[in-house]
C-alpha cells in the first residue's frame, strides 16, 4: 500500500488550540495511541467550529457528518506533552469541505501529525446530505481571506 502524504499550505490554518496528552491516552508502546489522537482531533474540530459559531447539529437536526479521516504520524507524543492543533479548511464543494490539522509540540517545535477530515452537511431527520449553508461557507471563506491577507 502506498504511504499517505498530506501537505497543507500555511494560509489555510485559521485557528489553533492546545490539548495535553493524558496518561490514559498512552498505549503499550508508551506513546500517544491512535484512538486517542482521533479523539483529540475531534475535540480540536469541535473547538474550531464553536469558535466560528458553527453548530455541529442545529435545531432542525441538520449538522455535519464526518465522511473520512486521514492521519499521517510524524513523531511520537508522550504523557503530559502539550500539543498545538492548528486547524483550517480547504477543498470546498457544495455539501462541505475538508478540515485540516497540523499537530505540533510547541516545546521543541516537533511535528507530531497531519490530518485531514472530510465532512458534509447532513439532515439527520431525513437521512440525507444537504447543501452547505451559505453562512457557513461565508464564515470559512472570510476566515481564509483574513488569514491570506495577514500572511501575504
Protein backbone atom coordinates (compact mmCIF):
# COMPACT_ATOMS: atom_id res chain seq x y z
CA UNK A 1 0.00 0.00 0.00
CA UNK A 2 1.30 3.45 -0.90
CA UNK A 3 2.12 5.75 2.00
CA UNK A 4 -0.25 8.62 2.67
CA UNK A 5 1.21 12.06 2.01
CA UNK A 6 -0.54 15.14 3.37
CA UNK A 7 0.67 18.67 2.64
CA UNK A 8 -1.20 21.83 3.56
CA UNK A 9 -0.46 25.48 2.71
CA UNK A 10 0.15 27.59 5.83
CA UNK A 11 -2.51 30.15 4.89
CA UNK A 12 -5.28 27.53 5.23
CA UNK A 13 -4.81 27.34 9.01
CA UNK A 14 -7.16 29.85 10.65
CA UNK A 15 -7.47 28.63 14.25
CA UNK A 16 -5.39 26.98 16.93
CA UNK A 17 -5.98 25.31 20.25
CA UNK A 18 -3.88 23.30 22.70
CA UNK A 19 -4.55 19.92 24.26
CA UNK A 20 -2.49 17.94 26.76
CA UNK A 21 -1.76 14.26 26.33
CA UNK A 22 -3.24 12.45 29.31
CA UNK A 23 -1.74 9.34 30.85
CA UNK A 24 -4.88 7.49 29.69
CA UNK A 25 -4.01 8.48 26.08
CA UNK A 26 -0.84 6.36 26.16
CA UNK A 27 -0.63 2.90 24.57
CA UNK A 28 1.58 -0.13 25.27
CA UNK A 29 4.38 1.47 23.21
CA UNK A 30 4.44 4.31 25.75
CA UNK A 31 3.28 6.97 23.28
CA UNK A 32 0.03 8.64 22.18
CA UNK A 33 -2.39 5.97 20.98
CA UNK A 34 -4.13 6.20 17.60
CA UNK A 35 -7.64 6.19 19.09
CA UNK A 36 -6.67 8.98 21.48
CA UNK A 37 -5.24 11.06 18.61
CA UNK A 38 -8.55 10.69 16.79
CA UNK A 39 -10.39 11.86 19.92
CA UNK A 40 -8.06 14.85 20.21
CA UNK A 41 -8.62 15.72 16.55
CA UNK A 42 -12.38 15.55 17.18
CA UNK A 43 -12.04 17.88 20.16
CA UNK A 44 -9.96 20.33 18.11
CA UNK A 45 -12.62 20.22 15.36
CA UNK A 46 -15.38 20.93 17.90
CA UNK A 47 -13.43 23.91 19.32
CA UNK A 48 -12.77 25.20 15.80
CA UNK A 49 -16.45 25.06 14.84
CA UNK A 50 -17.52 26.63 18.16
CA UNK A 51 -15.00 29.46 17.67
CA UNK A 52 -16.65 30.33 14.36
CA UNK A 53 -20.20 29.96 15.72
CA UNK A 54 -20.99 26.83 13.74
CA UNK A 55 -23.16 24.24 15.43
CA UNK A 56 -22.31 20.60 14.84
CA UNK A 57 -26.06 19.99 14.72
CA UNK A 58 -28.84 22.56 14.87
CA UNK A 59 -32.49 22.54 15.95
CA UNK A 60 -33.79 21.22 12.62
CA UNK A 61 -31.36 18.27 13.04
CA UNK A 62 -29.06 19.44 10.26
CA UNK A 63 -25.38 19.35 11.02
CA UNK A 64 -22.06 18.00 9.95
CA UNK A 65 -21.16 14.39 9.49
CA UNK A 66 -17.57 13.23 9.07
CA UNK A 67 -17.08 11.33 5.82
CA UNK A 68 -13.43 10.36 6.16
CA UNK A 69 -10.29 10.91 8.18
CA UNK A 70 -6.67 10.56 7.11
CA UNK A 71 -3.83 10.90 9.60
CA UNK A 72 -0.11 10.91 8.91
CA UNK A 73 2.03 10.41 12.02
CA UNK A 74 5.47 12.03 12.02
CA UNK A 75 6.68 11.78 15.66
CA UNK A 76 5.66 10.28 18.97
CA UNK A 77 3.91 12.26 21.68
CA UNK A 78 4.03 11.23 25.33
CA UNK A 79 2.08 11.71 28.55
CA UNK A 80 1.81 15.34 29.64
CA UNK A 81 3.02 16.71 26.29
CA UNK A 82 1.16 19.88 25.37
CA UNK A 83 0.17 19.72 21.72
CA UNK A 84 -0.82 22.61 19.47
CA UNK A 85 -3.59 21.86 16.98
CA UNK A 86 -3.64 24.26 14.07
CA UNK A 87 -6.96 23.89 12.25
CA UNK A 88 -8.11 25.09 8.85
CA UNK A 89 -10.33 24.37 5.88
CA UNK A 90 -9.82 23.58 2.20
CA UNK A 91 -11.26 21.70 -0.78
CA UNK A 92 -14.78 23.14 -0.65
CA UNK A 93 -17.66 21.54 -2.51
CA UNK A 94 -21.37 22.32 -2.43
CA UNK A 95 -22.01 19.97 0.52
CA UNK A 96 -18.98 20.53 2.74
CA UNK A 97 -15.20 20.67 2.74
CA UNK A 98 -12.13 19.28 4.47
CA UNK A 99 -10.97 20.35 7.90
CA UNK A 100 -7.19 20.11 8.13
CA UNK A 101 -4.97 19.74 11.18
CA UNK A 102 -1.31 20.29 11.89
CA UNK A 103 -0.34 18.94 15.31
CA UNK A 104 2.96 20.08 16.82
CA UNK A 105 4.67 20.02 20.18
CA UNK A 106 5.48 23.69 20.94
CA UNK A 107 8.25 22.96 23.47
CA UNK A 108 10.54 21.67 20.70
CA UNK A 109 8.59 22.58 17.53
CA UNK A 110 8.34 18.92 16.54
CA UNK A 111 5.66 17.97 14.00
CA UNK A 112 3.62 15.16 15.56
CA UNK A 113 0.96 14.58 12.89
CA UNK A 114 -1.01 15.97 9.98
CA UNK A 115 -4.65 15.06 9.46
CA UNK A 116 -7.50 15.80 7.08
CA UNK A 117 -11.13 15.19 7.92
CA UNK A 118 -13.80 15.44 5.25
CA UNK A 119 -17.30 16.46 6.22
CA UNK A 120 -20.63 17.23 4.62
CA UNK A 121 -23.81 18.76 5.94
CA UNK A 122 -26.42 16.16 6.72
CA UNK A 123 -30.07 16.25 7.74
CA UNK A 124 -30.38 13.59 10.42
CA UNK A 125 -34.20 13.62 10.31
CA UNK A 126 -34.33 12.83 6.59
CA UNK A 127 -31.04 10.87 6.47
CA UNK A 128 -29.69 12.80 3.52
CA UNK A 129 -26.80 15.05 2.55
CA UNK A 130 -27.77 18.71 2.15
CA UNK A 131 -26.06 21.82 0.79
CA UNK A 132 -23.54 23.61 2.98
CA UNK A 133 -25.35 26.63 4.46
CA UNK A 134 -24.23 29.86 2.78
CA UNK A 135 -23.50 31.41 6.20
CA UNK A 136 -21.03 28.63 6.99
CA UNK A 137 -19.32 28.88 3.60
CA UNK A 138 -19.06 32.67 4.01
CA UNK A 139 -17.63 32.31 7.53
CA UNK A 140 -14.91 29.93 6.36
CA UNK A 141 -14.11 31.94 3.23
CA UNK A 142 -13.82 35.14 5.29
CA UNK A 143 -11.51 33.44 7.79
CA UNK A 144 -9.31 32.24 4.91
CA UNK A 145 -9.31 35.67 3.28
CA UNK A 146 -8.31 37.31 6.57
CA UNK A 147 -5.52 34.78 7.06
CA UNK A 148 -4.28 35.21 3.49
CA UNK A 149 -4.25 38.99 3.96
CA UNK A 150 -2.37 38.75 7.27
CA UNK A 151 0.19 36.27 5.90
CA UNK A 152 0.71 37.84 2.49
